[in-house]
Protein backbone atom coordinates (compact mmCIF):
# COMPACT_ATOMS: atom_id res chain seq x y z
CA UNK A 1 -0.07 0.03 -0.06
CA UNK A 2 1.58 3.34 -1.06
CA UNK A 3 2.20 6.11 1.54
CA UNK A 4 0.78 8.83 -0.77
CA UNK A 5 -0.11 9.28 -4.44
CA UNK A 6 1.41 11.65 -6.94
CA UNK A 7 0.05 12.66 -10.24
CA UNK A 8 1.86 11.64 -13.32
CA UNK A 9 4.64 13.89 -14.69
CA UNK A 10 3.64 13.27 -18.31
CA UNK A 11 0.84 14.87 -20.26
CA UNK A 12 -1.54 13.01 -22.51
CA UNK A 13 0.78 13.08 -25.37
CA UNK A 14 3.99 12.38 -23.32
CA UNK A 15 5.14 15.90 -22.87
CA UNK A 16 6.64 17.12 -19.63
CA UNK A 17 4.34 19.52 -17.79
CA UNK A 18 5.84 22.92 -18.45
CA UNK A 19 4.61 24.62 -15.26
CA UNK A 20 6.75 22.22 -13.06
CA UNK A 21 9.98 23.38 -14.66
CA UNK A 22 12.68 24.53 -13.95
CA UNK A 23 12.22 24.56 -10.16
CA UNK A 24 11.33 20.99 -9.55
CA UNK A 25 10.48 17.67 -11.24
CA UNK A 26 7.08 17.49 -9.62
CA UNK A 27 5.24 18.91 -6.62
CA UNK A 28 4.00 17.09 -3.50
CA UNK A 29 1.84 18.16 -0.66
CA UNK A 30 3.49 19.21 2.59
CA UNK A 31 3.46 16.11 4.82
CA UNK A 32 4.49 18.11 7.83
CA UNK A 33 1.47 20.33 7.77
CA UNK A 34 0.37 21.18 11.28
CA UNK A 35 3.70 20.25 12.92
CA UNK A 36 5.13 23.87 12.81
CA UNK A 37 2.90 25.35 15.48
CA UNK A 38 3.91 22.58 17.89
CA UNK A 39 7.65 23.46 17.52
CA UNK A 40 7.21 26.92 18.81
CA UNK A 41 6.81 25.90 22.47
CA UNK A 42 9.88 23.71 22.22
CA UNK A 43 11.95 26.63 20.79
CA UNK A 44 10.71 28.90 23.55
CA UNK A 45 11.55 26.47 26.14
CA UNK A 46 15.05 25.95 24.77
CA UNK A 47 15.60 29.78 24.77
CA UNK A 48 14.45 30.05 28.30
CA UNK A 49 16.96 27.41 29.38
CA UNK A 50 19.83 29.26 27.73
CA UNK A 51 18.75 32.45 29.61
CA UNK A 52 18.86 30.69 32.94
CA UNK A 53 21.86 30.99 35.22
CA UNK A 54 24.56 28.42 34.70
CA UNK A 55 24.61 25.55 37.19
CA UNK A 56 27.50 26.00 39.74
CA UNK A 57 28.29 22.27 39.46
CA UNK A 58 28.86 22.80 35.65
CA UNK A 59 31.24 25.70 36.40
CA UNK A 60 33.17 23.43 38.85
CA UNK A 61 33.40 20.78 36.23
CA UNK A 62 34.83 23.28 33.66
CA UNK A 63 37.45 24.43 36.22
CA UNK A 64 38.47 20.97 36.91
CA UNK A 65 38.76 20.23 33.20
CA UNK A 66 41.00 23.26 32.74
CA UNK A 67 43.28 22.20 35.57
CA UNK A 68 43.63 18.57 34.20
CA UNK A 69 44.49 20.13 30.70
CA UNK A 70 47.14 22.31 32.28
CA UNK A 71 48.69 19.46 34.14
CA UNK A 72 48.57 17.30 30.90
CA UNK A 73 50.48 20.17 29.14
CA UNK A 74 53.16 20.27 31.83
CA UNK A 75 53.59 16.46 31.67
CA UNK A 76 53.89 16.53 27.82
CA UNK A 77 56.55 19.16 28.05
CA UNK A 78 58.55 16.95 30.47
CA UNK A 79 58.09 13.87 28.34
CA UNK A 80 59.08 15.72 25.12
CA UNK A 81 62.31 16.89 26.85
CA UNK A 82 63.17 13.29 28.01
CA UNK A 83 62.39 11.85 24.62
CA UNK A 84 64.97 13.91 23.04
CA UNK A 85 67.65 12.21 25.15
CA UNK A 86 66.17 8.71 25.00
CA UNK A 87 65.91 8.72 21.17
CA UNK A 88 69.62 9.45 20.75
CA UNK A 89 72.42 6.86 21.38
CA UNK A 90 74.53 9.71 23.00
CA UNK A 91 72.26 9.59 26.11
CA UNK A 92 72.05 5.91 26.83
CA UNK A 93 73.53 6.30 30.32
CA UNK A 94 72.66 4.09 33.19
CA UNK A 95 74.77 5.68 35.89
CA UNK A 96 73.49 9.27 36.23
CA UNK A 97 74.59 12.08 38.46
CA UNK A 98 72.27 14.97 37.98
CA UNK A 99 72.92 18.57 39.09
CA UNK A 100 70.31 20.97 37.68
CA UNK A 101 70.12 24.70 38.19
CA UNK A 102 67.74 27.29 36.89
CA UNK A 103 69.21 30.45 35.80
CA UNK A 104 67.16 33.63 36.06
CA UNK A 105 68.06 36.55 33.93
CA UNK A 106 66.01 39.12 31.94
CA UNK A 107 65.99 38.72 28.13
CA UNK A 108 68.21 41.61 26.81
CA UNK A 109 68.79 40.53 23.32
CA UNK A 110 66.55 40.56 20.21
CA UNK A 111 67.71 37.18 19.09
CA UNK A 112 64.81 34.96 17.96
CA UNK A 113 65.37 31.39 19.27
CA UNK A 114 62.40 30.10 17.13
CA UNK A 115 64.07 31.55 13.98
CA UNK A 116 67.51 29.99 14.85
CA UNK A 117 66.50 26.74 16.32
CA UNK A 118 63.15 26.11 14.66
CA UNK A 119 59.76 26.48 16.22
CA UNK A 120 58.63 23.47 18.34
CA UNK A 121 55.40 24.26 20.09
CA UNK A 122 54.87 22.53 23.46
CA UNK A 123 58.48 21.41 23.91
CA UNK A 124 61.56 22.87 25.34
CA UNK A 125 64.46 23.54 23.03
CA UNK A 126 67.26 21.35 24.36
CA UNK A 127 70.88 21.70 23.44
CA UNK A 128 72.63 18.50 24.36
CA UNK A 129 76.49 18.31 24.44
CA UNK A 130 78.61 15.25 24.97
CA UNK A 131 82.23 15.98 26.23
CA UNK A 132 85.16 14.04 27.68
CA UNK A 133 85.85 15.01 31.37
CA UNK A 134 89.56 14.41 30.75
CA UNK A 135 89.70 17.44 28.47
CA UNK A 136 86.74 19.63 29.40
CA UNK A 137 85.59 22.21 26.67
CA UNK A 138 86.17 25.36 28.81
CA UNK A 139 84.88 27.64 26.09
CA UNK A 140 81.52 25.94 26.18
CA UNK A 141 81.28 26.62 29.80
CA UNK A 142 81.99 30.37 29.25
CA UNK A 143 79.41 30.44 26.59
CA UNK A 144 76.83 28.77 28.82
CA UNK A 145 77.37 31.70 31.27
CA UNK A 146 76.89 34.22 28.58
CA UNK A 147 73.74 32.62 27.41
CA UNK A 148 72.42 32.56 30.94
CA UNK A 149 72.67 36.34 31.03
CA UNK A 150 70.38 36.57 27.94
CA UNK A 151 67.93 33.77 28.30
CA UNK A 152 66.19 31.75 31.03
CA UNK A 153 67.94 28.39 30.89
CA UNK A 154 67.30 24.97 32.43
CA UNK A 155 70.84 23.64 32.93
CA UNK A 156 71.71 19.98 33.66
CA UNK A 157 74.76 17.80 34.05
CA UNK A 158 74.82 14.09 33.58
CA UNK A 159 77.43 11.26 33.66
CA UNK A 160 77.31 8.62 30.83
CA UNK A 161 78.01 5.01 31.72
CA UNK A 162 81.16 5.00 29.63
CA UNK A 163 82.89 7.30 32.30
CA UNK A 164 83.85 5.68 35.55
CA UNK A 165 84.31 8.89 37.54
CA UNK A 166 84.03 12.53 37.12
CA UNK A 167 85.60 15.28 39.41
CA UNK A 168 83.23 17.02 41.64
CA UNK A 169 83.95 20.44 40.22
CA UNK A 170 82.97 19.21 36.70
CA UNK A 171 79.70 17.74 38.11
CA UNK A 172 78.91 21.22 39.52
CA UNK A 173 80.17 23.21 36.66
CA UNK A 174 76.71 24.91 36.25
CA UNK A 175 76.46 25.71 39.96
CA UNK A 176 74.54 24.17 42.85
CA UNK A 177 71.07 22.67 42.56
CA UNK A 178 68.27 25.02 43.16
CA UNK A 179 64.52 24.97 43.12
CA UNK A 180 63.15 24.21 39.68
CA UNK A 181 60.23 25.72 37.89
CA UNK A 182 58.05 23.86 35.25
CA UNK A 183 59.97 23.18 32.04
CA UNK A 184 57.72 25.36 29.98
CA UNK A 185 58.76 28.36 32.01
CA UNK A 186 62.37 28.22 30.46
CA UNK A 187 63.45 29.44 27.03
CA UNK A 188 66.28 26.97 26.50
CA UNK A 189 67.61 23.76 27.79
CA UNK A 190 71.34 23.18 28.16
CA UNK A 191 72.37 19.59 28.93
CA UNK A 192 76.02 18.64 29.25
CA UNK A 193 76.79 14.83 29.34
CA UNK A 194 80.33 13.78 30.51
CA UNK A 195 81.09 10.88 28.13
CA UNK A 196 84.05 9.10 26.76
CA UNK A 197 84.20 10.74 23.29
CA UNK A 198 87.18 11.90 21.18
CA UNK A 199 85.69 15.35 20.53
CA UNK A 200 82.82 17.30 21.91
CA UNK A 201 79.44 16.56 20.22
CA UNK A 202 76.36 18.78 20.07
CA UNK A 203 72.71 18.07 19.13
CA UNK A 204 69.68 20.32 19.52
CA UNK A 205 67.22 18.63 17.04
CA UNK A 206 67.39 14.81 17.49
CA UNK A 207 65.15 14.11 14.55
CA UNK A 208 66.45 16.50 11.95
CA UNK A 209 70.15 16.98 12.38
CA UNK A 210 73.50 15.19 12.63
CA UNK A 211 75.72 15.91 15.57
CA UNK A 212 78.03 18.97 15.40
CA UNK A 213 81.54 17.91 16.28
CA UNK A 214 84.50 19.91 17.60
CA UNK A 215 84.79 22.54 20.36
CA UNK A 216 85.34 25.33 17.79
CA UNK A 217 82.25 24.46 15.76
CA UNK A 218 80.02 24.14 18.79
CA UNK A 219 81.27 27.46 20.26
CA UNK A 220 80.43 29.19 16.96
CA UNK A 221 76.89 27.91 17.16
CA UNK A 222 76.35 28.81 20.86
CA UNK A 223 77.83 32.33 20.31
CA UNK A 224 75.34 32.90 17.41
CA UNK A 225 72.49 32.47 19.86
CA UNK A 226 73.59 35.72 21.47
CA UNK A 227 72.28 37.48 18.31
CA UNK A 228 75.49 39.18 17.24
CA UNK A 229 75.69 40.12 13.56
CA UNK A 230 78.99 40.67 11.67
CA UNK A 231 79.87 41.49 8.08
CA UNK A 232 81.66 38.95 5.86
CA UNK A 233 85.20 40.27 6.60
CA UNK A 234 84.82 40.33 10.42
CA UNK A 235 83.10 36.86 10.30
CA UNK A 236 86.09 35.43 8.42
CA UNK A 237 88.55 36.90 10.79
CA UNK A 238 86.63 35.38 13.65
CA UNK A 239 86.49 32.01 12.08
CA UNK A 240 90.22 32.22 11.37
CA UNK A 241 91.15 32.97 15.03
CA UNK A 242 88.89 30.17 16.29
CA UNK A 243 90.56 27.62 14.04
CA UNK A 244 94.06 28.93 14.90
CA UNK A 245 93.25 28.61 18.63
CA UNK A 246 92.03 24.99 18.29
CA UNK A 247 94.39 23.48 15.71
CA UNK A 248 97.64 25.43 16.36
CA UNK A 249 97.49 26.86 19.83
CA UNK A 250 95.74 23.90 21.51
CA UNK A 251 96.77 20.94 19.40
CA UNK A 252 99.87 22.27 17.54
CA UNK A 253 103.65 21.92 18.26
CA UNK A 254 105.51 24.27 20.48
CA UNK A 255 106.81 26.14 17.35
CA UNK A 256 103.25 26.59 16.11
CA UNK A 257 102.11 27.82 19.54
CA UNK A 258 105.00 30.39 19.67
CA UNK A 259 103.96 31.69 16.20
CA UNK A 260 100.34 32.03 17.29
CA UNK A 261 101.33 33.99 20.49
CA UNK A 262 103.31 36.39 18.41
CA UNK A 263 100.41 36.94 15.95
CA UNK A 264 98.08 37.48 18.95
CA UNK A 265 100.44 39.93 20.49
CA UNK A 266 100.59 41.93 17.32
CA UNK A 267 96.77 42.00 16.81
CA UNK A 268 96.13 42.98 20.47
CA UNK A 269 98.59 45.84 20.01
CA UNK A 270 96.09 47.43 17.71
CA UNK A 271 92.71 46.59 19.23
CA UNK A 272 91.43 45.76 22.62
CA UNK A 273 90.22 42.25 21.45
CA UNK A 274 91.34 39.87 18.78
CA UNK A 275 88.76 41.09 16.27
CA UNK A 276 87.54 44.56 16.77
CA UNK A 277 86.73 46.43 19.99
CA UNK A 278 84.26 43.87 21.55
CA UNK A 279 84.42 40.39 22.82
CA UNK A 280 83.83 37.63 20.25
CA UNK A 281 83.93 33.80 20.18
CA UNK A 282 87.59 34.09 19.01
CA UNK A 283 88.58 35.58 22.32
CA UNK A 284 86.76 33.05 24.33
CA UNK A 285 88.18 30.07 22.44
CA UNK A 286 91.72 31.44 22.38
CA UNK A 287 91.65 32.33 26.12
CA UNK A 288 90.46 28.81 27.05
CA UNK A 289 93.14 27.25 24.78
CA UNK A 290 95.85 29.24 26.56
CA UNK A 291 94.50 28.04 29.93
CA UNK A 292 94.45 24.31 28.86
CA UNK A 293 97.90 24.30 27.21
CA UNK A 294 99.65 26.07 30.07
CA UNK A 295 101.03 28.82 27.69
CA UNK A 296 99.41 31.74 29.69
CA UNK A 297 102.40 32.32 31.88
CA UNK A 298 104.75 32.65 28.86
CA UNK A 299 102.49 35.00 26.82
CA UNK A 300 103.79 38.28 25.57
CA UNK A 301 102.74 41.63 27.27
CA UNK A 302 99.69 42.48 25.01
CA UNK A 303 98.42 38.94 25.33
CA UNK A 304 98.81 39.15 29.21
CA UNK A 305 96.82 42.40 29.30
CA UNK A 306 94.11 40.87 27.13
CA UNK A 307 93.94 37.73 29.43
CA UNK A 308 93.35 39.94 32.36
CA UNK A 309 90.55 41.80 30.61
CA UNK A 310 88.87 38.47 29.84
CA UNK A 311 89.16 37.38 33.47
CA UNK A 312 87.50 40.53 34.67
CA UNK A 313 84.31 39.42 32.90
CA UNK A 314 81.79 37.40 34.92
CA UNK A 315 81.34 34.59 32.47
CA UNK A 316 85.06 33.60 32.78
CA UNK A 317 84.88 33.31 36.53
CA UNK A 318 83.24 29.91 36.78
CA UNK A 319 86.03 28.50 34.40
CA UNK A 320 88.81 30.04 36.61
CA UNK A 321 87.28 28.31 39.65
CA UNK A 322 87.48 24.85 37.69
CA UNK A 323 91.13 25.47 36.94
CA UNK A 324 92.05 25.91 40.57
C-alpha cells in the first residue's frame, strides 16, 4: 500500500508539464502540515533554558577540566624533553649524576630562538652536548654563562656509563642545585653529558640534524644564539682565529704555539680584542686554549693584558674556579 499518491509527470501526449520546470520535477503536498505550531513551544523552552543562570556544578566541572589540561600540558613538556635524550644513542647512560640549576636573567637580546633553532610548540628546546671530562671544553662553559645572561635556561649535568668517575667540580660546573620551575617556563635547555668521546658533540634537534663535532664548531653555534651580527670580513677573521686557537694553539707543536702567540700579541697591540673592539667567540676560544695548554704564563705583554681583561668578565669566573 503506497504512503501517498502523486500525479503523473507526463501529459496525455508524453510531454513534460511545463509549469513544473525548472524549479522541480514534480510537486508534492506538505506532509509536515500542522507540525510547525507545535515546534514553537519547544523553541521557547530551549531559549528560556539558555537564559537561565549556569549551574555551579557545571562551572566546577569546567574548572576541573582546565586544571587537568594544564597538568597534561606540563607532563607533555617533560616527556618531550626526556624523549630527545632517549631517542639518541648519545644519552644511553645508566649511571647518572644529575645537578640541575635554573638561571634567572632578563631577556636583553633581540635574538629569536624560534628563528634560529626552529619552532617546536609545546616542547623545550634542548641543546645536548657530549664532552670528555679528561679534556673539558672550557669555552662551552664560558658561553653557557653568557647565554644565561640573555635567556632563562634550564641547565643539567649528567654522567654517561662510559665514564667511571668525574671530578666533583665538573659535576657542579653549572652551579649548585636550586629549586626548579616547570619546564615550559624556560626558554632554552642546556644539557652537558660527560662521556668518553674523542671530540665534543652537540645536538639540539634529534630528529632533523647530525651531531656537530668539535669545540670550535659548537662554540660558533652557541655564540650565534647571542644574536651578534657581523659582516663577511669580520666573520672570516673570527673564524680564522677560532681555527688557529683550536688546531695550532691547543693541538699544535711548540713552534706553532709560539707563532700564534706572536700573531696574537701583534693583533692585540692594535685593538682591545682579537677582532675589533668587543668580545667575540675568538677571544673565548683562544683564552680557554691558553689555559688548557699552560701557555698563559709565557704569553707576551699584550696577550697578558688581554687575558686579564677576559678574566675581569663574569662569564670567565666559573672557568677560573674549575682550573684551581
